[in-house]
């Protein structure tokens, strides 16, 4: 039998997404159970995720259960930490059963060498965020955050999240980051001839571009507005599609 495709998504932002987002994403995960050989979620599945030693954020139980069910059914799930949920860890790995990464990773998928990264902090500019990223991910910051009561930590995260401002048409800041990440991906492919595909998220703007012959850059977009996702199939170029909520089936390209 032919190998099933790899399905990729990013930027679902559960916790700040519109009410219909989680049911739509659950129907997509259910579809993946019988149509995907592997599922990759490239960052910001959650709008906030931080694992304390004996507590995790409340909510999204059905999504966590659906991910565990996929793994139990023999469909591996990889989650990349994004700028909102980088602080995952042993709960996701040991209890849910997913493969969880906090740094960009090279993968062999469907006969292609693929660089997978969420996309925050790469490319030119955005120096303020790059400096903040070093602080937020430092050991001292993580230790201090664990001293907060989880309710207080969640309140702080909601205050600093800007997800609500990205639930409409892309603003100029997003478009600038889109251009910056596209340039970065192009330069990366030019300098790494063994890599066939760069997959990013973060901008919330879906994009598929053949940078060099048979070598591609894909940004899987988001589920706040586009409900877009990528498909990698053996011997075929990557594709971007949207999820048709009413039919519970793949929709047209974004």
Protein backbone atom coordinates (compact mmCIF):
# COMPACT_ATOMS: atom_id res chain seq x y z
CA UNK A 1 0.00 0.00 0.00
CA UNK A 2 1.24 3.54 -0.71
CA UNK A 3 2.56 5.47 2.27
CA UNK A 4 0.12 7.97 3.76
CA UNK A 5 1.04 11.68 3.72
CA UNK A 6 2.48 13.74 6.55
CA UNK A 7 0.09 16.44 7.78
CA UNK A 8 1.43 19.73 9.20
CA UNK A 9 -0.29 22.57 11.02
CA UNK A 10 0.69 25.47 13.28
CA UNK A 11 -0.61 28.41 15.27
CA UNK A 12 -3.89 27.06 16.60
CA UNK A 13 -3.58 29.23 19.75
CA UNK A 14 -6.01 27.25 21.87
CA UNK A 15 -7.11 29.46 24.73
CA UNK A 16 -7.35 32.64 22.68
CA UNK A 17 -8.76 31.27 19.42
CA UNK A 18 -12.38 31.94 18.33
CA UNK A 19 -14.94 29.48 19.81
CA UNK A 20 -15.21 27.32 16.70
CA UNK A 21 -11.48 26.74 16.36
CA UNK A 22 -11.07 23.87 18.80
CA UNK A 23 -13.95 21.74 17.39
CA UNK A 24 -12.63 22.34 13.86
CA UNK A 25 -9.13 21.33 14.88
CA UNK A 26 -10.49 18.23 16.60
CA UNK A 27 -12.27 17.19 13.40
CA UNK A 28 -8.98 17.68 11.51
CA UNK A 29 -7.13 15.48 14.02
CA UNK A 30 -9.83 12.83 13.64
CA UNK A 31 -9.38 12.97 9.86
CA UNK A 32 -5.63 12.57 10.32
CA UNK A 33 -6.16 9.31 12.19
CA UNK A 34 -6.98 7.51 8.94
CA UNK A 35 -5.29 9.76 6.38
CA UNK A 36 -1.89 10.66 7.85
CA UNK A 37 1.26 8.67 8.52
CA UNK A 38 2.46 11.41 10.87
CA UNK A 39 1.13 14.67 12.31
CA UNK A 40 3.35 17.69 12.95
CA UNK A 41 2.19 20.77 14.85
CA UNK A 42 4.78 23.46 14.29
CA UNK A 43 4.38 25.71 17.31
CA UNK A 44 1.72 27.65 19.20
CA UNK A 45 -0.77 24.85 19.53
CA UNK A 46 -1.62 26.60 22.80
CA UNK A 47 -1.75 30.33 23.39
CA UNK A 48 -0.12 29.58 26.73
CA UNK A 49 1.48 26.41 28.00
CA UNK A 50 3.78 26.07 30.99
CA UNK A 51 4.40 22.87 32.86
CA UNK A 52 4.81 23.18 36.59
CA UNK A 53 6.16 20.15 38.44
CA UNK A 54 2.70 18.90 39.37
CA UNK A 55 0.30 21.09 37.39
CA UNK A 56 -0.51 21.95 33.78
CA UNK A 57 -2.78 24.67 32.33
CA UNK A 58 -6.48 23.89 32.53
CA UNK A 59 -8.45 23.26 29.35
CA UNK A 60 -8.13 21.62 25.93
CA UNK A 61 -8.60 18.16 27.42
CA UNK A 62 -10.24 16.84 24.26
CA UNK A 63 -7.34 18.01 22.08
CA UNK A 64 -4.81 16.42 24.42
CA UNK A 65 -6.90 13.24 24.39
CA UNK A 66 -7.11 13.31 20.59
CA UNK A 67 -3.33 13.65 20.33
CA UNK A 68 -2.83 10.72 22.73
CA UNK A 69 -5.37 8.70 20.75
CA UNK A 70 -3.46 9.36 17.52
CA UNK A 71 -0.25 8.17 19.12
CA UNK A 72 -1.99 5.07 20.51
CA UNK A 73 -3.34 4.35 17.02
CA UNK A 74 0.20 4.32 15.62
CA UNK A 75 0.25 7.85 14.13
CA UNK A 76 3.31 9.64 15.55
CA UNK A 77 2.74 13.25 16.63
CA UNK A 78 5.52 15.84 16.77
CA UNK A 79 4.97 19.21 18.44
CA UNK A 80 7.41 22.09 18.09
CA UNK A 81 7.38 24.63 20.89
CA UNK A 82 6.41 28.09 19.65
CA UNK A 83 6.76 31.50 21.23
CA UNK A 84 3.55 30.85 23.22
CA UNK A 85 4.08 27.23 24.26
CA UNK A 86 7.83 26.65 24.25
CA UNK A 87 7.65 25.70 27.94
CA UNK A 88 6.24 22.24 27.36
CA UNK A 89 8.04 19.17 28.57
CA UNK A 90 7.59 15.84 30.29
CA UNK A 91 3.80 15.95 30.48
CA UNK A 92 3.46 16.22 26.71
CA UNK A 93 6.18 13.64 26.13
CA UNK A 94 5.40 11.11 28.85
CA UNK A 95 1.66 11.48 29.47
CA UNK A 96 0.36 12.42 26.01
CA UNK A 97 3.08 10.55 24.14
CA UNK A 98 4.08 13.18 21.58
CA UNK A 99 7.57 14.03 20.41
CA UNK A 100 8.19 17.56 21.71
CA UNK A 101 10.97 19.86 20.47
CA UNK A 102 12.06 23.28 21.66
CA UNK A 103 14.61 24.01 18.93
CA UNK A 104 14.59 23.70 15.11
CA UNK A 105 15.09 20.16 13.91
CA UNK A 106 16.08 18.44 10.66
CA UNK A 107 13.79 15.60 9.63
CA UNK A 108 13.57 13.10 6.79
CA UNK A 109 9.97 13.17 5.61
CA UNK A 110 8.58 11.50 2.52
CA UNK A 111 11.96 11.36 0.81
CA UNK A 112 12.80 15.00 1.59
CA UNK A 113 15.26 16.56 4.00
CA UNK A 114 13.16 19.07 5.96
CA UNK A 115 14.07 21.87 8.35
CA UNK A 116 11.24 22.37 10.83
CA UNK A 117 11.18 25.53 12.95
CA UNK A 118 8.38 27.64 14.37
CA UNK A 119 9.94 30.81 12.99
CA UNK A 120 10.06 33.16 15.98
CA UNK A 121 13.39 34.91 16.31
CA UNK A 122 14.75 33.94 12.88
CA UNK A 123 15.38 36.31 10.01
CA UNK A 124 16.45 39.93 10.14
CA UNK A 125 15.14 42.58 12.52
CA UNK A 126 12.86 41.98 15.50
CA UNK A 127 15.80 42.56 17.86
CA UNK A 128 13.53 43.47 20.77
CA UNK A 129 11.82 40.08 20.64
CA UNK A 130 15.12 38.24 20.18
CA UNK A 131 16.48 39.80 23.38
CA UNK A 132 13.22 39.11 25.22
CA UNK A 133 13.31 35.51 24.01
CA UNK A 134 16.68 34.96 25.68
CA UNK A 135 15.27 36.26 28.96
CA UNK A 136 11.96 34.37 28.85
CA UNK A 137 13.65 31.05 28.10
CA UNK A 138 16.48 31.44 30.59
CA UNK A 139 16.75 29.10 33.55
CA UNK A 140 16.38 31.89 36.10
CA UNK A 141 13.16 33.16 34.49
CA UNK A 142 11.66 29.69 34.34
CA UNK A 143 12.60 29.04 37.97
CA UNK A 144 11.02 32.34 39.06
CA UNK A 145 7.86 31.72 37.03
CA UNK A 146 7.38 28.37 38.75
CA UNK A 147 7.16 30.22 42.05
CA UNK A 148 3.97 31.92 40.86
CA UNK A 149 0.64 30.26 41.51
CA UNK A 150 -0.55 28.74 38.19
CA UNK A 151 -3.59 31.06 38.17
CA UNK A 152 -1.29 34.06 38.48
CA UNK A 153 1.02 32.71 35.77
CA UNK A 154 -1.92 32.21 33.40
CA UNK A 155 -3.15 35.75 34.12
CA UNK A 156 0.28 37.18 33.29
CA UNK A 157 0.37 35.18 30.05
CA UNK A 158 -3.06 36.48 29.02
CA UNK A 159 -1.96 40.05 29.67
CA UNK A 160 1.08 39.83 27.41
CA UNK A 161 -0.47 37.73 24.64
CA UNK A 162 -1.25 39.65 21.46
CA UNK A 163 -3.15 36.84 19.74
CA UNK A 164 -6.46 38.73 19.68
CA UNK A 165 -4.88 41.41 17.49
CA UNK A 166 -4.02 38.79 14.86
CA UNK A 167 -7.51 37.41 14.34
CA UNK A 168 -8.27 39.51 11.26
CA UNK A 169 -6.52 40.48 8.06
CA UNK A 170 -2.70 40.51 8.36
CA UNK A 171 -1.35 43.81 9.63
CA UNK A 172 1.82 45.36 8.25
CA UNK A 173 3.93 43.95 11.09
CA UNK A 174 2.83 40.43 10.18
CA UNK A 175 3.48 41.04 6.49
CA UNK A 176 6.95 42.37 7.31
CA UNK A 177 7.70 39.22 9.31
CA UNK A 178 6.31 37.15 6.43
CA UNK A 179 8.79 38.76 4.05
CA UNK A 180 11.64 38.39 6.54
CA UNK A 181 10.98 34.69 7.10
CA UNK A 182 10.68 34.05 3.37
CA UNK A 183 14.06 35.72 2.82
CA UNK A 184 15.57 33.70 5.67
CA UNK A 185 14.20 30.43 4.28
CA UNK A 186 15.52 31.28 0.81
CA UNK A 187 18.99 32.01 2.20
CA UNK A 188 18.92 28.82 4.26
CA UNK A 189 18.07 26.69 1.23
CA UNK A 190 20.77 28.44 -0.79
CA UNK A 191 23.35 27.64 1.89
CA UNK A 192 22.21 24.09 2.68
CA UNK A 193 22.01 22.15 -0.55
CA UNK A 194 21.12 18.94 1.29
CA UNK A 195 17.84 20.46 2.55
CA UNK A 196 14.82 20.20 0.27
CA UNK A 197 12.17 21.98 2.30
CA UNK A 198 11.91 24.63 5.03
CA UNK A 199 8.69 24.58 7.06
CA UNK A 200 7.84 27.52 9.32
CA UNK A 201 4.80 28.99 11.05
CA UNK A 202 4.55 32.02 13.35
CA UNK A 203 3.44 34.65 10.81
CA UNK A 204 -0.15 33.32 10.54
CA UNK A 205 0.14 33.90 6.78
CA UNK A 206 0.07 30.68 4.70
CA UNK A 207 2.68 30.57 1.96
CA UNK A 208 3.99 27.94 -0.45
CA UNK A 209 6.89 28.83 -2.72
CA UNK A 210 9.21 26.80 -4.94
CA UNK A 211 12.44 28.63 -4.12
CA UNK A 212 14.67 26.46 -6.30
CA UNK A 213 13.66 23.61 -8.62
CA UNK A 214 12.00 20.95 -6.43
CA UNK A 215 13.04 22.79 -3.25
CA UNK A 216 10.38 24.64 -1.31
CA UNK A 217 9.50 27.01 1.50
CA UNK A 218 6.19 26.38 3.27
CA UNK A 219 4.51 28.43 5.96
CA UNK A 220 1.49 26.55 7.27
CA UNK A 221 -0.40 29.71 8.25
CA UNK A 222 -2.82 29.48 11.18
CA UNK A 223 -6.17 28.24 12.51
CA UNK A 224 -7.37 31.60 13.84
CA UNK A 225 -8.36 32.83 10.39
CA UNK A 226 -7.20 30.48 7.62
CA UNK A 227 -7.48 27.00 9.17
CA UNK A 228 -4.68 26.07 6.81
CA UNK A 229 -2.37 23.08 6.86
CA UNK A 230 0.29 21.40 4.77
CA UNK A 231 0.56 17.95 3.21
CA UNK A 232 3.75 16.12 2.27
CA UNK A 233 3.32 13.16 -0.05
CA UNK A 234 5.96 10.82 -1.51
CA UNK A 235 7.17 11.94 -4.92
CA UNK A 236 4.96 15.05 -5.04
CA UNK A 237 5.43 18.75 -4.29
CA UNK A 238 4.14 19.95 -0.91
CA UNK A 239 0.59 21.28 -0.80
CA UNK A 240 -1.31 23.81 1.30
CA UNK A 241 -5.02 23.33 1.93
CA UNK A 242 -7.69 24.70 4.23
CA UNK A 243 -10.05 22.71 6.43
CA UNK A 244 -13.72 22.80 5.44
CA UNK A 245 -15.45 22.98 8.82
CA UNK A 246 -18.98 22.28 7.56
CA UNK A 247 -17.98 19.18 5.59
CA UNK A 248 -15.26 18.01 7.93
CA UNK A 249 -13.06 17.50 4.87
CA UNK A 250 -10.11 19.16 3.13
CA UNK A 251 -11.00 22.44 1.46
CA UNK A 252 -9.31 24.56 -1.23
CA UNK A 253 -5.85 26.12 -0.98
CA UNK A 254 -5.71 29.26 1.20
